[in-house]
Amino acid sequence: MTGNSEFGGAVSSWPWRVVMMGTAAIPLGLLVVAAMLTPDLDGLGTHQQLGLPPCSMRMLFGIRCPACGMTTSWSHFTRGQWPSSLQSNVAGFLLAGLAVAFSPFAIRAAYSGKMPPWTAQKYATIALVAIGIVAATEWLARLALDS
């Protein structure tokens, strides 16, 4: 579905609409959960408030994993504490921002039955790849600084 119009081509089947609603609801739900958590003062470990265990990589190898600080970052992000969000996990800050930015497109797609504009899909994909690169780069930089 390529559509060069403001919004893409029609895909009005109900399964597709459910997928688009999930595409919006999941990141928005994660933001709501993050808002209910208290950011950990150490910059990571906030996820343990959900009953999850500590990071396995930290427990086994004594190093942060690429996602360490992600929940803390999202929790700071939802409070508008963006410097703290960036300090906890830069990729987390960017991913939370992408969740906020792309969710309206997914909600509109679920409501209208039309694909988001091709350019929005393209930029969201590029953003996800870039965030992955940022996550890997930040992780490697933290490993180098910690050793």
Protein backbone atom coordinates (compact mmCIF):
# COMPACT_ATOMS: atom_id res chain seq x y z
CA MET A 1 0.00 0.00 0.00
CA THR A 2 1.91 3.00 -1.12
CA GLY A 3 -0.54 5.91 -1.41
CA ASN A 4 1.04 9.32 -1.88
CA SER A 5 -1.96 11.16 -0.47
CA GLU A 6 -2.08 12.68 2.99
CA PHE A 7 -3.10 9.31 4.36
CA GLY A 8 -2.33 5.98 2.72
CA GLY A 9 -4.55 3.48 0.93
CA ALA A 10 -7.61 1.89 2.47
CA VAL A 11 -7.23 -1.31 4.45
CA SER A 12 -10.55 -1.46 6.21
CA SER A 13 -10.51 -5.08 7.40
CA TRP A 14 -11.16 -5.40 11.11
CA PRO A 15 -8.01 -7.49 11.81
CA TRP A 16 -5.86 -4.71 10.40
CA ARG A 17 -7.72 -2.14 12.48
CA VAL A 18 -7.08 -4.25 15.60
CA VAL A 19 -3.37 -4.39 14.74
CA MET A 20 -3.27 -0.61 14.33
CA MET A 21 -5.07 -0.10 17.64
CA GLY A 22 -2.51 -2.38 19.29
CA THR A 23 0.26 -0.43 17.59
CA ALA A 24 -1.07 2.64 19.37
CA ALA A 25 -2.22 1.05 22.63
CA ILE A 26 0.96 -0.84 23.50
CA PRO A 27 3.37 2.12 23.54
CA LEU A 28 0.75 4.37 25.14
CA GLY A 29 0.10 1.68 27.77
CA LEU A 30 3.81 1.44 28.46
CA LEU A 31 3.94 5.21 28.92
CA VAL A 32 1.03 5.02 31.40
CA VAL A 33 2.79 2.26 33.36
CA ALA A 34 6.04 4.25 33.32
CA ALA A 35 4.17 7.27 34.67
CA MET A 36 2.95 5.20 37.63
CA LEU A 37 6.49 4.14 38.58
CA THR A 38 8.93 6.16 40.64
CA PRO A 39 12.20 6.60 38.74
CA ASP A 40 15.03 4.83 40.54
CA LEU A 41 17.62 7.27 41.88
CA ASP A 42 20.47 5.12 40.52
CA GLY A 43 19.18 5.57 36.95
CA LEU A 44 18.22 1.92 36.52
CA GLY A 45 16.20 -0.72 38.32
CA THR A 46 12.81 1.00 38.07
CA HIS A 47 11.40 -2.11 36.35
CA GLN A 48 11.76 -4.01 39.64
CA GLN A 49 8.75 -2.07 40.98
CA LEU A 50 6.73 -4.25 38.57
CA GLY A 51 7.97 -7.41 40.26
CA LEU A 52 10.55 -8.11 37.56
CA PRO A 53 14.00 -9.39 38.56
CA PRO A 54 17.19 -7.34 38.34
CA CYS A 55 18.97 -7.27 34.99
CA SER A 56 20.41 -10.73 34.25
CA MET A 57 23.44 -9.29 32.46
CA ARG A 58 24.30 -7.16 35.49
CA MET A 59 23.80 -10.13 37.81
CA LEU A 60 25.82 -12.60 35.71
CA PHE A 61 28.53 -10.41 34.17
CA GLY A 62 28.51 -7.22 36.23
CA ILE A 63 27.82 -5.01 33.21
CA ARG A 64 24.80 -3.08 32.03
CA CYS A 65 22.74 -4.46 29.17
CA PRO A 66 21.68 -2.16 26.30
CA ALA A 67 18.24 -1.77 27.91
CA CYS A 68 19.48 -0.95 31.42
CA GLY A 69 17.84 2.30 32.47
CA MET A 70 15.11 2.07 29.81
CA THR A 71 12.18 1.90 32.25
CA THR A 72 13.74 4.61 34.39
CA SER A 73 14.19 6.72 31.27
CA TRP A 74 10.53 6.30 30.30
CA SER A 75 9.44 7.11 33.86
CA HIS A 76 11.44 10.35 33.80
CA PHE A 77 10.15 11.08 30.27
CA THR A 78 6.51 10.90 31.39
CA ARG A 79 7.24 13.45 34.11
CA GLY A 80 8.89 15.87 31.68
CA GLN A 81 12.26 15.24 33.37
CA TRP A 82 13.99 14.95 30.04
CA PRO A 83 17.61 15.54 31.16
CA SER A 84 17.20 12.72 33.70
CA SER A 85 15.52 10.57 31.04
CA LEU A 86 18.48 11.10 28.69
CA GLN A 87 20.96 10.38 31.48
CA SER A 88 19.24 7.08 32.33
CA ASN A 89 19.09 5.81 28.74
CA VAL A 90 19.31 7.97 25.61
CA ALA A 91 17.63 5.31 23.45
CA GLY A 92 14.83 5.08 26.03
CA PHE A 93 14.22 8.81 25.77
CA LEU A 94 14.12 8.59 21.96
CA LEU A 95 11.87 5.52 21.99
CA ALA A 96 9.41 7.19 24.37
CA GLY A 97 9.35 10.21 22.09
CA LEU A 98 8.70 8.00 19.07
CA ALA A 99 5.87 6.29 20.96
CA VAL A 100 4.24 9.64 21.61
CA ALA A 101 4.80 10.84 18.04
CA PHE A 102 3.63 7.76 16.14
CA SER A 103 0.66 6.69 18.27
CA PRO A 104 -1.71 9.32 16.80
CA PHE A 105 -0.99 7.94 13.31
CA ALA A 106 -1.86 4.43 14.50
CA ILE A 107 -5.03 5.61 16.23
CA ARG A 108 -6.11 7.46 13.09
CA ALA A 109 -5.35 4.38 10.98
CA ALA A 110 -7.43 2.17 13.26
CA TYR A 111 -10.31 4.63 13.13
CA SER A 112 -10.19 5.42 9.41
CA GLY A 113 -9.15 2.02 8.09
CA LYS A 114 -6.40 3.65 6.05
CA MET A 115 -2.68 3.05 6.25
CA PRO A 116 -0.59 5.86 7.75
CA PRO A 117 1.11 7.98 5.09
CA TRP A 118 4.04 6.22 3.49
CA THR A 119 6.36 8.99 4.63
CA ALA A 120 5.27 8.48 8.26
CA GLN A 121 5.92 4.74 7.95
CA LYS A 122 9.31 5.41 6.38
CA TYR A 123 10.36 7.91 9.05
CA ALA A 124 9.13 5.67 11.87
CA THR A 125 11.20 2.79 10.46
CA ILE A 126 14.27 4.99 10.06
CA ALA A 127 13.75 6.28 13.62
CA LEU A 128 13.54 2.74 15.02
CA VAL A 129 16.74 1.71 13.24
CA ALA A 130 18.47 4.91 14.42
CA ILE A 131 17.31 4.27 18.01
CA GLY A 132 18.75 0.75 17.77
CA ILE A 133 22.07 2.22 16.65
CA VAL A 134 21.95 4.78 19.48
CA ALA A 135 21.21 1.99 21.99
CA ALA A 136 24.16 -0.07 20.79
CA THR A 137 26.49 2.94 20.70
CA GLU A 138 25.45 4.13 24.16
CA TRP A 139 25.89 0.62 25.55
CA LEU A 140 29.38 0.29 24.09
CA ALA A 141 30.32 3.77 25.37
CA ARG A 142 29.10 2.92 28.87
CA LEU A 143 31.04 -0.34 28.80
CA ALA A 144 34.18 1.53 27.79
CA LEU A 145 33.70 4.17 30.49
CA ASP A 146 32.96 1.60 33.20
CA SER A 147 36.07 -0.46 32.53
